[in-house]
Amino acid sequence: MRIHLSIPYFLLKERIEEVLSHGISPEVYFDAETLEGLDLKELKPLCRALFKKGLTCTVHAPYSDLSPGAIDPEVRRLTLRRFYKLLETAVWFSPLNVVFHPGYMPMVHKEYLEEWVKRAQETWYLVGRRAEQLGLVISLENVFEEGPEVLKGLFEGIGLPFGFCFDLGHWFTFANSDLGNWMEAFSDRLLEVHLHDNHGSKDEHLPPGEGRIDFLGLLPLLPGKDALIFTVEVYEEAKALKALEAAKSLLEGFKCKQEN
């Protein structure tokens, strides 16, 4: 079991000494603007410092305005270009996993779901092949999906060994299917779990314990817990360390309960 903390790249670069002093294994998030102006040479000393400290990394891809299943071919080309650049950047971190949002938005794509899935499968196939060439493990994360069906169909049509990143906060806010159904659909793909809390009405990204998610009741339903990567995703910087400690206590408590 590994515990990471989501950190935007620009913040990781600015606060690397603090990250190292706290022994934080980061999930490094790259937005499109950061990728656009990134000099890959600056990654070498940053990654060397993390590795020297024995810290592991995961990487999170950009997602805003990107649409792998877009009808407009130019939008798909831009999306693919961003994802390729992200993969080439991720290699430097030797990540355990690279997480992507699938890009599905029910309010928009339900109307032409079959077309969206077909185009998205084509995009993700190209991303998956590039990841294989670079020796990277990649996963798709649930975001707005109401149930596992769309993602399951997407995975099956891609035909490559994509992993699954299960976001408990997104599931609690947006899904209308119980966790057992999700685990039944993706237990063989599950690599990573995103931990953050909310009150069920919006995606608040609170520290565990500040919302209504019953983590102690849900964690036993996750298969292969000892091999999973758990990443804390809290957007308020002042609460990040508190959230990380809360997650560690939660997972350690659950582990002890299992052993007893």
C-alpha atoms as a PDB file:
ATOM      1  CA  MET A   1       0.000   0.000   0.000  1.00  0.00           C
ATOM      2  CA  ARG A   2       1.407   3.384  -1.022  1.00  0.00           C
ATOM      3  CA  ILE A   3       0.021   6.800  -0.087  1.00  0.00           C
ATOM      4  CA  HIS A   4       0.608   9.808  -2.344  1.00  0.00           C
ATOM      5  CA  LEU A   5      -0.484  13.438  -2.230  1.00  0.00           C
ATOM      6  CA  SER A   6      -1.720  15.284  -5.305  1.00  0.00           C
ATOM      7  CA  ILE A   7       0.563  18.277  -5.998  1.00  0.00           C
ATOM      8  CA  PRO A   8       0.477  20.544  -9.081  1.00  0.00           C
ATOM      9  CA  TYR A   9       3.834  20.604 -10.839  1.00  0.00           C
ATOM     10  CA  PHE A  10       4.404  24.344 -10.349  1.00  0.00           C
ATOM     11  CA  LEU A  11       3.878  23.924  -6.599  1.00  0.00           C
ATOM     12  CA  LEU A  12       6.105  20.852  -6.413  1.00  0.00           C
ATOM     13  CA  LYS A  13       8.885  22.819  -8.092  1.00  0.00           C
ATOM     14  CA  GLU A  14       8.477  25.780  -5.737  1.00  0.00           C
ATOM     15  CA  ARG A  15       8.156  23.685  -2.557  1.00  0.00           C
ATOM     16  CA  ILE A  16      10.390  20.717  -3.312  1.00  0.00           C
ATOM     17  CA  GLU A  17      12.417  21.104  -0.104  1.00  0.00           C
ATOM     18  CA  GLU A  18       9.238  21.035   1.972  1.00  0.00           C
ATOM     19  CA  VAL A  19       7.981  17.988   0.079  1.00  0.00           C
ATOM     20  CA  LEU A  20      11.274  16.200   0.690  1.00  0.00           C
ATOM     21  CA  SER A  21      11.396  17.152   4.375  1.00  0.00           C
ATOM     22  CA  HIS A  22       7.914  15.708   4.936  1.00  0.00           C
ATOM     23  CA  GLY A  23       8.718  12.599   2.882  1.00  0.00           C
ATOM     24  CA  ILE A  24       5.707  13.131   0.613  1.00  0.00           C
ATOM     25  CA  SER A  25       5.338  10.888  -2.418  1.00  0.00           C
ATOM     26  CA  PRO A  26       3.602  13.120  -4.970  1.00  0.00           C
ATOM     27  CA  GLU A  27       1.002  12.568  -7.642  1.00  0.00           C
ATOM     28  CA  VAL A  28       2.234  15.313  -9.948  1.00  0.00           C
ATOM     29  CA  TYR A  29      -0.533  17.148 -11.799  1.00  0.00           C
ATOM     30  CA  PHE A  30       0.279  18.881 -15.076  1.00  0.00           C
ATOM     31  CA  ASP A  31      -2.220  21.313 -16.553  1.00  0.00           C
ATOM     32  CA  ALA A  32      -2.087  22.236 -20.243  1.00  0.00           C
ATOM     33  CA  GLU A  33      -0.486  25.638 -19.647  1.00  0.00           C
ATOM     34  CA  THR A  34       2.332  24.064 -17.634  1.00  0.00           C
ATOM     35  CA  LEU A  35       2.972  21.481 -20.345  1.00  0.00           C
ATOM     36  CA  GLU A  36       2.947  24.173 -23.008  1.00  0.00           C
ATOM     37  CA  GLY A  37       5.851  26.078 -21.512  1.00  0.00           C
ATOM     38  CA  LEU A  38       7.727  23.233 -19.835  1.00  0.00           C
ATOM     39  CA  ASP A  39      11.456  22.819 -20.352  1.00  0.00           C
ATOM     40  CA  LEU A  40      12.037  19.086 -19.876  1.00  0.00           C
ATOM     41  CA  LYS A  41      15.622  19.755 -18.727  1.00  0.00           C
ATOM     42  CA  GLU A  42      14.320  21.248 -15.481  1.00  0.00           C
ATOM     43  CA  LEU A  43      12.793  17.896 -14.536  1.00  0.00           C
ATOM     44  CA  LYS A  44      16.088  16.067 -14.077  1.00  0.00           C
ATOM     45  CA  PRO A  45      17.233  17.619 -10.750  1.00  0.00           C
ATOM     46  CA  LEU A  46      13.687  17.577  -9.383  1.00  0.00           C
ATOM     47  CA  CYS A  47      13.222  13.883 -10.118  1.00  0.00           C
ATOM     48  CA  ARG A  48      16.717  13.048  -8.868  1.00  0.00           C
ATOM     49  CA  ALA A  49      15.884  14.686  -5.517  1.00  0.00           C
ATOM     50  CA  LEU A  50      12.663  12.655  -5.178  1.00  0.00           C
ATOM     51  CA  PHE A  51      14.363   9.385  -6.083  1.00  0.00           C
ATOM     52  CA  LYS A  52      17.286  10.038  -3.736  1.00  0.00           C
ATOM     53  CA  LYS A  53      14.793  10.405  -0.889  1.00  0.00           C
ATOM     54  CA  GLY A  54      13.215   7.062  -1.852  1.00  0.00           C
ATOM     55  CA  LEU A  55       9.894   8.661  -2.791  1.00  0.00           C
ATOM     56  CA  THR A  56       7.611   7.189  -5.427  1.00  0.00           C
ATOM     57  CA  CYS A  57       5.564   9.195  -7.932  1.00  0.00           C
ATOM     58  CA  THR A  58       2.389   9.022  -9.919  1.00  0.00           C
ATOM     59  CA  VAL A  59       1.362  11.560 -12.560  1.00  0.00           C
ATOM     60  CA  HIS A  60      -2.028  13.107 -13.358  1.00  0.00           C
ATOM     61  CA  ALA A  61      -2.778  14.317 -16.884  1.00  0.00           C
ATOM     62  CA  PRO A  62      -4.480  17.593 -17.862  1.00  0.00           C
ATOM     63  CA  TYR A  63      -8.216  17.413 -18.494  1.00  0.00           C
ATOM     64  CA  SER A  64      -9.773  20.887 -18.755  1.00  0.00           C
ATOM     65  CA  ASP A  65     -11.327  21.521 -22.205  1.00  0.00           C
ATOM     66  CA  LEU A  66      -9.932  18.247 -23.573  1.00  0.00           C
ATOM     67  CA  SER A  67     -12.275  15.795 -25.281  1.00  0.00           C
ATOM     68  CA  PRO A  68     -10.950  12.432 -26.515  1.00  0.00           C
ATOM     69  CA  GLY A  69     -14.333  11.559 -28.043  1.00  0.00           C
ATOM     70  CA  ALA A  70     -15.072  14.958 -29.614  1.00  0.00           C
ATOM     71  CA  ILE A  71     -16.959  15.085 -32.903  1.00  0.00           C
ATOM     72  CA  ASP A  72     -14.635  17.872 -34.078  1.00  0.00           C
ATOM     73  CA  PRO A  73     -11.451  16.139 -35.332  1.00  0.00           C
ATOM     74  CA  GLU A  74      -9.324  19.183 -34.535  1.00  0.00           C
ATOM     75  CA  VAL A  75     -10.367  18.974 -30.863  1.00  0.00           C
ATOM     76  CA  ARG A  76      -9.378  15.296 -30.834  1.00  0.00           C
ATOM     77  CA  ARG A  77      -6.016  16.124 -32.413  1.00  0.00           C
ATOM     78  CA  LEU A  78      -5.338  18.779 -29.764  1.00  0.00           C
ATOM     79  CA  THR A  79      -6.353  16.353 -27.013  1.00  0.00           C
ATOM     80  CA  LEU A  80      -4.033  13.681 -28.376  1.00  0.00           C
ATOM     81  CA  ARG A  81      -1.163  16.166 -28.652  1.00  0.00           C
ATOM     82  CA  ARG A  82      -1.596  17.190 -25.022  1.00  0.00           C
ATOM     83  CA  PHE A  83      -1.697  13.567 -23.889  1.00  0.00           C
ATOM     84  CA  TYR A  84       1.421  12.648 -25.870  1.00  0.00           C
ATOM     85  CA  LYS A  85       3.312  15.560 -24.307  1.00  0.00           C
ATOM     86  CA  LEU A  86       2.123  14.472 -20.878  1.00  0.00           C
ATOM     87  CA  LEU A  87       3.417  10.932 -21.433  1.00  0.00           C
ATOM     88  CA  GLU A  88       6.798  12.203 -22.612  1.00  0.00           C
ATOM     89  CA  THR A  89       6.960  14.334 -19.470  1.00  0.00           C
ATOM     90  CA  ALA A  90       5.766  11.577 -17.143  1.00  0.00           C
ATOM     91  CA  VAL A  91       8.641   9.276 -18.148  1.00  0.00           C
ATOM     92  CA  TRP A  92      11.070  11.442 -16.169  1.00  0.00           C
ATOM     93  CA  PHE A  93       9.248  10.594 -12.917  1.00  0.00           C
ATOM     94  CA  SER A  94       9.288   6.791 -13.453  1.00  0.00           C
ATOM     95  CA  PRO A  95       5.674   6.865 -12.251  1.00  0.00           C
ATOM     96  CA  LEU A  96       3.855   3.883 -10.782  1.00  0.00           C
ATOM     97  CA  ASN A  97       0.760   5.056 -12.664  1.00  0.00           C
ATOM     98  CA  VAL A  98      -0.343   7.865 -14.994  1.00  0.00           C
ATOM     99  CA  VAL A  99      -3.963   8.910 -14.446  1.00  0.00           C
ATOM    100  CA  PHE A 100      -6.253  10.350 -17.128  1.00  0.00           C
ATOM    101  CA  HIS A 101      -9.842  11.552 -17.013  1.00  0.00           C
ATOM    102  CA  PRO A 102     -11.858   9.710 -19.686  1.00  0.00           C
ATOM    103  CA  GLY A 103     -13.548  12.937 -20.797  1.00  0.00           C
ATOM    104  CA  TYR A 104     -17.114  11.647 -20.581  1.00  0.00           C
ATOM    105  CA  MET A 105     -19.728  14.246 -19.615  1.00  0.00           C
ATOM    106  CA  PRO A 106     -23.250  12.754 -19.399  1.00  0.00           C
ATOM    107  CA  MET A 107     -25.026  16.099 -19.855  1.00  0.00           C
ATOM    108  CA  VAL A 108     -23.259  16.523 -23.205  1.00  0.00           C
ATOM    109  CA  HIS A 109     -22.429  13.074 -24.536  1.00  0.00           C
ATOM    110  CA  LYS A 110     -25.474  10.959 -23.619  1.00  0.00           C
ATOM    111  CA  GLU A 111     -27.251  12.291 -26.688  1.00  0.00           C
ATOM    112  CA  TYR A 112     -24.687  10.738 -29.038  1.00  0.00           C
ATOM    113  CA  LEU A 113     -23.081   8.205 -26.708  1.00  0.00           C
ATOM    114  CA  GLU A 114     -22.304   5.544 -29.301  1.00  0.00           C
ATOM    115  CA  GLU A 115     -20.432   8.031 -31.520  1.00  0.00           C
ATOM    116  CA  TRP A 116     -18.588   9.493 -28.536  1.00  0.00           C
ATOM    117  CA  VAL A 117     -17.448   6.077 -27.289  1.00  0.00           C
ATOM    118  CA  LYS A 118     -16.226   5.037 -30.743  1.00  0.00           C
ATOM    119  CA  ARG A 119     -14.125   8.180 -31.175  1.00  0.00           C
ATOM    120  CA  ALA A 120     -12.865   8.042 -27.587  1.00  0.00           C
ATOM    121  CA  GLN A 121     -11.768   4.432 -28.043  1.00  0.00           C
ATOM    122  CA  GLU A 122      -9.721   5.452 -31.069  1.00  0.00           C
ATOM    123  CA  THR A 123      -8.030   8.253 -29.110  1.00  0.00           C
ATOM    124  CA  TRP A 124      -7.325   6.115 -26.063  1.00  0.00           C
ATOM    125  CA  TYR A 125      -5.945   3.317 -28.205  1.00  0.00           C
ATOM    126  CA  LEU A 126      -3.327   5.719 -29.590  1.00  0.00           C
ATOM    127  CA  VAL A 127      -2.547   6.999 -26.089  1.00  0.00           C
ATOM    128  CA  GLY A 128      -2.242   3.439 -24.807  1.00  0.00           C
ATOM    129  CA  ARG A 129       0.115   2.401 -27.597  1.00  0.00           C
ATOM    130  CA  ARG A 130       2.332   5.416 -26.938  1.00  0.00           C
ATOM    131  CA  ALA A 131       2.353   4.593 -23.215  1.00  0.00           C
ATOM    132  CA  GLU A 132       3.432   1.019 -24.012  1.00  0.00           C
ATOM    133  CA  GLN A 133       6.297   2.323 -26.153  1.00  0.00           C
ATOM    134  CA  LEU A 134       7.454   4.485 -23.244  1.00  0.00           C
ATOM    135  CA  GLY A 135       7.047   1.715 -20.667  1.00  0.00           C
ATOM    136  CA  LEU A 136       4.301   3.539 -18.752  1.00  0.00           C
ATOM    137  CA  VAL A 137       1.309   2.162 -16.855  1.00  0.00           C
ATOM    138  CA  ILE A 138      -1.810   4.288 -17.424  1.00  0.00           C
ATOM    139  CA  SER A 139      -5.282   4.388 -15.912  1.00  0.00           C
ATOM    140  CA  LEU A 140      -8.636   6.007 -16.562  1.00  0.00           C
ATOM    141  CA  GLU A 141     -10.444   7.594 -13.616  1.00  0.00           C
ATOM    142  CA  ASN A 142     -14.182   7.811 -12.991  1.00  0.00           C
ATOM    143  CA  VAL A 143     -15.416  11.400 -12.884  1.00  0.00           C
ATOM    144  CA  PHE A 144     -19.019  12.167 -13.917  1.00  0.00           C
ATOM    145  CA  GLU A 145     -20.044   8.598 -14.815  1.00  0.00           C
ATOM    146  CA  GLU A 146     -23.312   7.581 -13.145  1.00  0.00           C
ATOM    147  CA  GLY A 147     -22.446   3.891 -13.334  1.00  0.00           C
ATOM    148  CA  PRO A 148     -19.623   1.682 -14.580  1.00  0.00           C
ATOM    149  CA  GLU A 149     -21.196   0.863 -17.958  1.00  0.00           C
ATOM    150  CA  VAL A 150     -19.680   3.644 -20.097  1.00  0.00           C
ATOM    151  CA  LEU A 151     -16.158   3.133 -18.769  1.00  0.00           C
ATOM    152  CA  LYS A 152     -16.484  -0.641 -19.047  1.00  0.00           C
ATOM    153  CA  GLY A 153     -17.473  -0.318 -22.708  1.00  0.00           C
ATOM    154  CA  LEU A 154     -14.629   2.108 -23.276  1.00  0.00           C
ATOM    155  CA  PHE A 155     -12.065  -0.275 -21.765  1.00  0.00           C
ATOM    156  CA  GLU A 156     -13.358  -3.248 -23.750  1.00  0.00           C
ATOM    157  CA  GLY A 157     -13.214  -1.351 -27.028  1.00  0.00           C
ATOM    158  CA  ILE A 158      -9.690  -0.007 -26.486  1.00  0.00           C
ATOM    159  CA  GLY A 159      -8.284  -3.508 -26.339  1.00  0.00           C
ATOM    160  CA  LEU A 160      -5.189  -2.531 -24.299  1.00  0.00           C
ATOM    161  CA  PRO A 161      -4.328  -3.199 -20.632  1.00  0.00           C
ATOM    162  CA  PHE A 162      -5.485   0.114 -19.182  1.00  0.00           C
ATOM    163  CA  GLY A 163      -5.785   0.309 -15.405  1.00  0.00           C
ATOM    164  CA  PHE A 164      -8.613   1.878 -13.413  1.00  0.00           C
ATOM    165  CA  CYS A 165      -8.266   4.705 -10.896  1.00  0.00           C
ATOM    166  CA  PHE A 166     -11.293   4.757  -8.594  1.00  0.00           C
ATOM    167  CA  ASP A 167     -12.111   8.206  -7.239  1.00  0.00           C
ATOM    168  CA  LEU A 168     -14.262   7.778  -4.124  1.00  0.00           C
ATOM    169  CA  GLY A 169     -15.190  11.470  -3.990  1.00  0.00           C
ATOM    170  CA  HIS A 170     -16.395  11.524  -7.599  1.00  0.00           C
ATOM    171  CA  TRP A 171     -18.319   8.289  -7.059  1.00  0.00           C
ATOM    172  CA  PHE A 172     -20.034   9.665  -3.947  1.00  0.00           C
ATOM    173  CA  THR A 173     -21.068  12.878  -5.724  1.00  0.00           C
ATOM    174  CA  PHE A 174     -21.926  11.805  -9.267  1.00  0.00           C
ATOM    175  CA  ALA A 175     -22.642   8.062  -9.374  1.00  0.00           C
ATOM    176  CA  ASN A 176     -26.002   6.416  -8.783  1.00  0.00           C
ATOM    177  CA  SER A 177     -24.637   2.859  -8.713  1.00  0.00           C
ATOM    178  CA  ASP A 178     -23.331   1.235  -5.521  1.00  0.00           C
ATOM    179  CA  LEU A 179     -19.654   0.618  -4.999  1.00  0.00           C
ATOM    180  CA  GLY A 180     -20.045  -3.148  -5.315  1.00  0.00           C
ATOM    181  CA  ASN A 181     -21.116  -2.768  -8.950  1.00  0.00           C
ATOM    182  CA  TRP A 182     -18.025  -0.688  -9.714  1.00  0.00           C
ATOM    183  CA  MET A 183     -15.685  -3.170  -8.075  1.00  0.00           C
ATOM    184  CA  GLU A 184     -17.340  -6.071  -9.870  1.00  0.00           C
ATOM    185  CA  ALA A 185     -16.760  -4.275 -13.176  1.00  0.00           C
ATOM    186  CA  PHE A 186     -13.173  -3.137 -12.541  1.00  0.00           C
ATOM    187  CA  SER A 187     -11.602  -5.244  -9.787  1.00  0.00           C
ATOM    188  CA  ASP A 188      -9.130  -6.755 -12.259  1.00  0.00           C
ATOM    189  CA  ARG A 189      -8.032  -3.267 -13.424  1.00  0.00           C
ATOM    190  CA  LEU A 190      -7.977  -1.396 -10.118  1.00  0.00           C
ATOM    191  CA  LEU A 191      -4.551   0.197  -9.519  1.00  0.00           C
ATOM    192  CA  GLU A 192      -5.211   3.408  -7.645  1.00  0.00           C
ATOM    193  CA  VAL A 193      -7.792   5.051  -5.385  1.00  0.00           C
ATOM    194  CA  HIS A 194      -8.277   8.799  -4.981  1.00  0.00           C
ATOM    195  CA  LEU A 195      -9.244   9.839  -1.464  1.00  0.00           C
ATOM    196  CA  HIS A 196     -11.105  13.050  -0.687  1.00  0.00           C
ATOM    197  CA  ASP A 197     -14.352  13.871   1.054  1.00  0.00           C
ATOM    198  CA  ASN A 198     -17.527  15.834   0.267  1.00  0.00           C
ATOM    199  CA  HIS A 199     -21.150  16.186   1.374  1.00  0.00           C
ATOM    200  CA  GLY A 200     -22.658  14.513  -1.673  1.00  0.00           C
ATOM    201  CA  SER A 201     -23.849  17.582  -3.575  1.00  0.00           C
ATOM    202  CA  LYS A 202     -20.608  18.823  -5.156  1.00  0.00           C
ATOM    203  CA  ASP A 203     -16.989  17.805  -5.659  1.00  0.00           C
ATOM    204  CA  GLU A 204     -15.466  19.640  -2.675  1.00  0.00           C
ATOM    205  CA  HIS A 205     -12.134  17.762  -2.317  1.00  0.00           C
ATOM    206  CA  LEU A 206     -12.134  17.962   1.478  1.00  0.00           C
ATOM    207  CA  PRO A 207      -9.817  16.023   3.803  1.00  0.00           C
ATOM    208  CA  PRO A 208     -11.213  12.610   4.813  1.00  0.00           C
ATOM    209  CA  GLY A 209     -13.493  13.086   7.794  1.00  0.00           C
ATOM    210  CA  GLU A 210     -14.750  16.563   6.840  1.00  0.00           C
ATOM    211  CA  GLY A 211     -17.599  15.310   4.642  1.00  0.00           C
ATOM    212  CA  ARG A 212     -20.097  12.458   4.646  1.00  0.00           C
ATOM    213  CA  ILE A 213     -18.162   9.616   2.988  1.00  0.00           C
ATOM    214  CA  ASP A 214     -18.021   6.486   5.154  1.00  0.00           C
ATOM    215  CA  PHE A 215     -14.436   5.504   4.376  1.00  0.00           C
ATOM    216  CA  LEU A 216     -14.287   2.799   7.052  1.00  0.00           C
ATOM    217  CA  GLY A 217     -17.399   1.199   5.615  1.00  0.00           C
ATOM    218  CA  LEU A 218     -16.224   1.443   1.998  1.00  0.00           C
ATOM    219  CA  LEU A 219     -12.558   0.460   2.240  1.00  0.00           C
ATOM    220  CA  PRO A 220     -13.349  -3.227   2.928  1.00  0.00           C
ATOM    221  CA  LEU A 221     -15.093  -3.381  -0.459  1.00  0.00           C
ATOM    222  CA  LEU A 222     -11.901  -2.514  -2.357  1.00  0.00           C
ATOM    223  CA  PRO A 223     -10.038  -5.563  -3.714  1.00  0.00           C
ATOM    224  CA  GLY A 224      -6.268  -5.918  -3.482  1.00  0.00           C
ATOM    225  CA  LYS A 225      -5.921  -3.158  -0.892  1.00  0.00           C
ATOM    226  CA  ASP A 226      -2.327  -3.961   0.045  1.00  0.00           C
ATOM    227  CA  ALA A 227      -1.178  -3.466  -3.560  1.00  0.00           C
ATOM    228  CA  LEU A 228      -3.150  -0.275  -4.262  1.00  0.00           C
ATOM    229  CA  ILE A 229      -1.882   3.265  -4.588  1.00  0.00           C
ATOM    230  CA  PHE A 230      -3.932   5.691  -2.476  1.00  0.00           C
ATOM    231  CA  THR A 231      -3.706   9.340  -3.501  1.00  0.00           C
ATOM    232  CA  VAL A 232      -5.067  12.160  -1.367  1.00  0.00           C
ATOM    233  CA  GLU A 233      -6.610  14.908  -3.513  1.00  0.00           C
ATOM    234  CA  VAL A 234      -7.260  18.060  -1.486  1.00  0.00           C
ATOM    235  CA  TYR A 235      -7.222  21.362  -3.352  1.00  0.00           C
ATOM    236  CA  GLU A 236      -6.891  23.691  -0.351  1.00  0.00           C
ATOM    237  CA  GLU A 237      -3.145  23.851   0.298  1.00  0.00           C
ATOM    238  CA  ALA A 238      -3.566  24.722   3.972  1.00  0.00           C
ATOM    239  CA  LYS A 239      -5.368  21.422   4.530  1.00  0.00           C
ATOM    240  CA  ALA A 240      -3.088  19.191   2.473  1.00  0.00           C
ATOM    241  CA  LEU A 241      -0.874  17.860   5.267  1.00  0.00           C
ATOM    242  CA  LYS A 242      -3.874  17.410   7.557  1.00  0.00           C
ATOM    243  CA  ALA A 243      -5.609  15.431   4.829  1.00  0.00           C
ATOM    244  CA  LEU A 244      -2.534  13.272   4.250  1.00  0.00           C
ATOM    245  CA  GLU A 245      -2.251  12.432   7.945  1.00  0.00           C
ATOM    246  CA  ALA A 246      -5.984  11.698   8.134  1.00  0.00           C
ATOM    247  CA  ALA A 247      -5.681   9.318   5.200  1.00  0.00           C
ATOM    248  CA  LYS A 248      -2.643   7.575   6.704  1.00  0.00           C
ATOM    249  CA  SER A 249      -4.466   7.093  10.012  1.00  0.00           C
ATOM    250  CA  LEU A 250      -7.531   5.825   8.214  1.00  0.00           C
ATOM    251  CA  LEU A 251      -5.609   3.307   6.143  1.00  0.00           C
ATOM    252  CA  GLU A 252      -3.379   2.197   9.017  1.00  0.00           C
ATOM    253  CA  GLY A 253      -6.437   1.764  11.223  1.00  0.00           C
ATOM    254  CA  PHE A 254      -8.129  -0.302   8.583  1.00  0.00           C
ATOM    255  CA  LYS A 255      -4.994  -2.409   8.089  1.00  0.00           C
ATOM    256  CA  CYS A 256      -4.740  -3.112  11.830  1.00  0.00           C
ATOM    257  CA  LYS A 257      -8.410  -4.024  11.941  1.00  0.00           C
ATOM    258  CA  GLN A 258      -7.845  -6.498   9.077  1.00  0.00           C
ATOM    259  CA  GLU A 259      -4.876  -8.106  10.833  1.00  0.00           C
ATOM    260  CA  ASN A 260      -6.824  -8.517  14.073  1.00  0.00           C
END
